[in-house]
Amino acid sequence: MGYHHISIADVSPTPDRPSTQRSIDAAASLEQLGANVYEADPGEPLPLAYHVHDEQEEVFYVLSGTLHVETPERTYEVEADEVFVVEPGSPQRAYNPESATEPVRVFAVGAPAGDDVHAYDPDA
């Protein structure tokens, strides 16, 4: 059996990210699930780019602030205590817009874990 009790404050931010990303899956050595806490100031994206996953499902639970999620059809505004779900094959870009008055804090989970991400160009 294995258990992990992790304080987010003790998880070092992932380097070279546009916003603060704290990788829970890395801290707990998880292999089947990606789990991260993001903190994005106004004008910062959560992921590195507009992207799509082949197989991974993603869930974004907004802890505070308002998360914006751009999709090919529209941009969603996800408030604190709301959840945004992205199914495989669905392009998205999560961010905190420059016009925001506060940071956004998000707990994001993706499964299965893996490197099935592809850049998405909405103009292509």
Protein backbone atom coordinates (compact mmCIF):
# COMPACT_ATOMS: atom_id res chain seq x y z
CA MET A 1 0.00 0.00 0.00
CA GLY A 2 1.08 3.54 -0.56
CA TYR A 3 -0.13 6.84 0.77
CA HIS A 4 1.07 10.40 0.28
CA HIS A 5 0.19 13.45 2.35
CA ILE A 6 1.43 16.49 0.46
CA SER A 7 1.40 20.18 1.32
CA ILE A 8 1.14 22.16 -1.92
CA ALA A 9 3.41 24.81 -0.39
CA ASP A 10 6.16 22.15 -0.21
CA VAL A 11 5.89 21.26 -3.93
CA SER A 12 8.37 23.27 -5.97
CA PRO A 13 6.96 25.00 -9.05
CA THR A 14 7.69 23.34 -12.38
CA PRO A 15 10.39 25.42 -14.14
CA ASP A 16 9.89 27.18 -17.48
CA ARG A 17 6.08 27.47 -17.26
CA PRO A 18 4.07 30.60 -18.12
CA SER A 19 2.19 30.34 -14.78
CA THR A 20 2.96 28.63 -11.50
CA GLN A 21 2.43 24.88 -11.83
CA ARG A 22 2.88 22.55 -8.88
CA SER A 23 2.90 18.92 -9.99
CA ILE A 24 1.17 16.68 -7.48
CA ASP A 25 1.65 13.61 -9.67
CA ALA A 26 5.41 14.17 -9.74
CA ALA A 27 5.55 14.75 -5.96
CA ALA A 28 3.63 11.50 -5.33
CA SER A 29 5.25 9.52 -8.18
CA LEU A 30 1.85 8.85 -9.78
CA GLU A 31 1.89 7.05 -13.12
CA GLN A 32 -1.77 6.77 -14.18
CA LEU A 33 -2.95 10.30 -13.41
CA GLY A 34 -1.74 13.82 -13.99
CA ALA A 35 -2.61 16.24 -11.16
CA ASN A 36 -1.49 19.84 -10.85
CA VAL A 37 -2.29 23.04 -9.01
CA TYR A 38 -1.97 26.15 -11.19
CA GLU A 39 -1.77 29.76 -10.10
CA ALA A 40 -2.00 32.24 -12.98
CA ASP A 41 -1.76 36.00 -12.66
CA PRO A 42 -3.71 38.21 -15.07
CA GLY A 43 -2.40 37.67 -18.61
CA GLU A 44 -0.93 34.21 -17.94
CA PRO A 45 -1.94 30.92 -19.59
CA LEU A 46 -2.10 27.65 -17.63
CA PRO A 47 -0.75 25.24 -20.26
CA LEU A 48 2.09 26.09 -22.58
CA ALA A 49 -0.17 26.45 -25.65
CA TYR A 50 -3.57 25.90 -27.24
CA HIS A 51 -3.64 22.09 -27.43
CA VAL A 52 -5.60 18.87 -27.79
CA HIS A 53 -5.18 15.41 -26.23
CA ASP A 54 -5.80 12.15 -28.12
CA GLU A 55 -6.91 10.09 -25.11
CA GLN A 56 -6.58 12.17 -21.96
CA GLU A 57 -9.65 13.52 -20.19
CA GLU A 58 -9.09 16.71 -18.20
CA VAL A 59 -10.96 18.25 -15.30
CA PHE A 60 -10.32 21.80 -14.09
CA TYR A 61 -11.72 22.72 -10.66
CA VAL A 62 -11.45 26.46 -10.02
CA LEU A 63 -10.41 27.15 -6.43
CA SER A 64 -10.42 30.95 -6.72
CA GLY A 65 -10.74 33.59 -9.42
CA THR A 66 -12.22 33.01 -12.86
CA LEU A 67 -10.65 30.63 -15.38
CA HIS A 68 -11.18 31.34 -19.07
CA VAL A 69 -11.09 28.38 -21.46
CA GLU A 70 -10.91 29.08 -25.19
CA THR A 71 -12.33 26.43 -27.50
CA PRO A 72 -12.98 26.51 -31.26
CA GLU A 73 -16.67 27.30 -30.58
CA ARG A 74 -16.46 29.84 -27.75
CA THR A 75 -14.64 30.98 -24.62
CA TYR A 76 -16.01 29.69 -21.31
CA GLU A 77 -15.76 31.56 -18.01
CA VAL A 78 -15.43 29.14 -15.10
CA GLU A 79 -15.95 30.65 -11.65
CA ALA A 80 -14.67 29.50 -8.26
CA ASP A 81 -16.27 26.22 -7.12
CA GLU A 82 -17.13 25.32 -10.73
CA VAL A 83 -15.65 22.54 -12.85
CA PHE A 84 -14.75 22.50 -16.56
CA VAL A 85 -14.34 19.11 -18.25
CA VAL A 86 -12.47 18.53 -21.52
CA GLU A 87 -13.02 15.28 -23.40
CA PRO A 88 -10.31 13.70 -25.59
CA GLY A 89 -10.01 15.28 -29.04
CA SER A 90 -11.37 18.64 -27.79
CA PRO A 91 -8.97 21.57 -28.32
CA GLN A 92 -8.65 24.07 -25.48
CA ARG A 93 -6.53 26.81 -24.01
CA ALA A 94 -7.00 27.72 -20.33
CA TYR A 95 -5.84 31.14 -19.17
CA ASN A 96 -6.37 34.14 -16.93
CA PRO A 97 -7.05 37.15 -19.19
CA GLU A 98 -5.07 40.39 -18.92
CA SER A 99 -8.30 42.15 -17.91
CA ALA A 100 -8.64 39.99 -14.77
CA THR A 101 -8.43 41.76 -11.44
CA GLU A 102 -7.06 38.78 -9.50
CA PRO A 103 -5.06 35.58 -9.97
CA VAL A 104 -6.85 32.32 -10.76
CA ARG A 105 -6.07 29.15 -8.82
CA VAL A 106 -7.02 25.80 -10.35
CA PHE A 107 -6.71 22.12 -9.46
CA ALA A 108 -6.38 20.18 -12.73
CA VAL A 109 -6.55 16.43 -13.19
CA GLY A 110 -5.91 14.44 -16.39
CA ALA A 111 -6.13 10.73 -17.08
CA PRO A 112 -4.66 8.62 -18.38
CA ALA A 113 -1.31 10.23 -17.76
CA GLY A 114 0.93 10.37 -20.80
CA ASP A 115 2.31 12.50 -23.55
CA ASP A 116 -0.60 12.53 -26.02
CA VAL A 117 -0.73 16.31 -26.30
CA HIS A 118 -0.58 18.13 -29.64
CA ALA A 119 -0.46 21.81 -30.42
CA TYR A 120 -3.70 23.13 -31.92
CA ASP A 121 -3.82 26.01 -34.39
CA PRO A 122 -7.33 27.53 -34.48
CA ASP A 123 -6.48 29.27 -37.77
CA ALA A 124 -5.42 26.09 -39.57
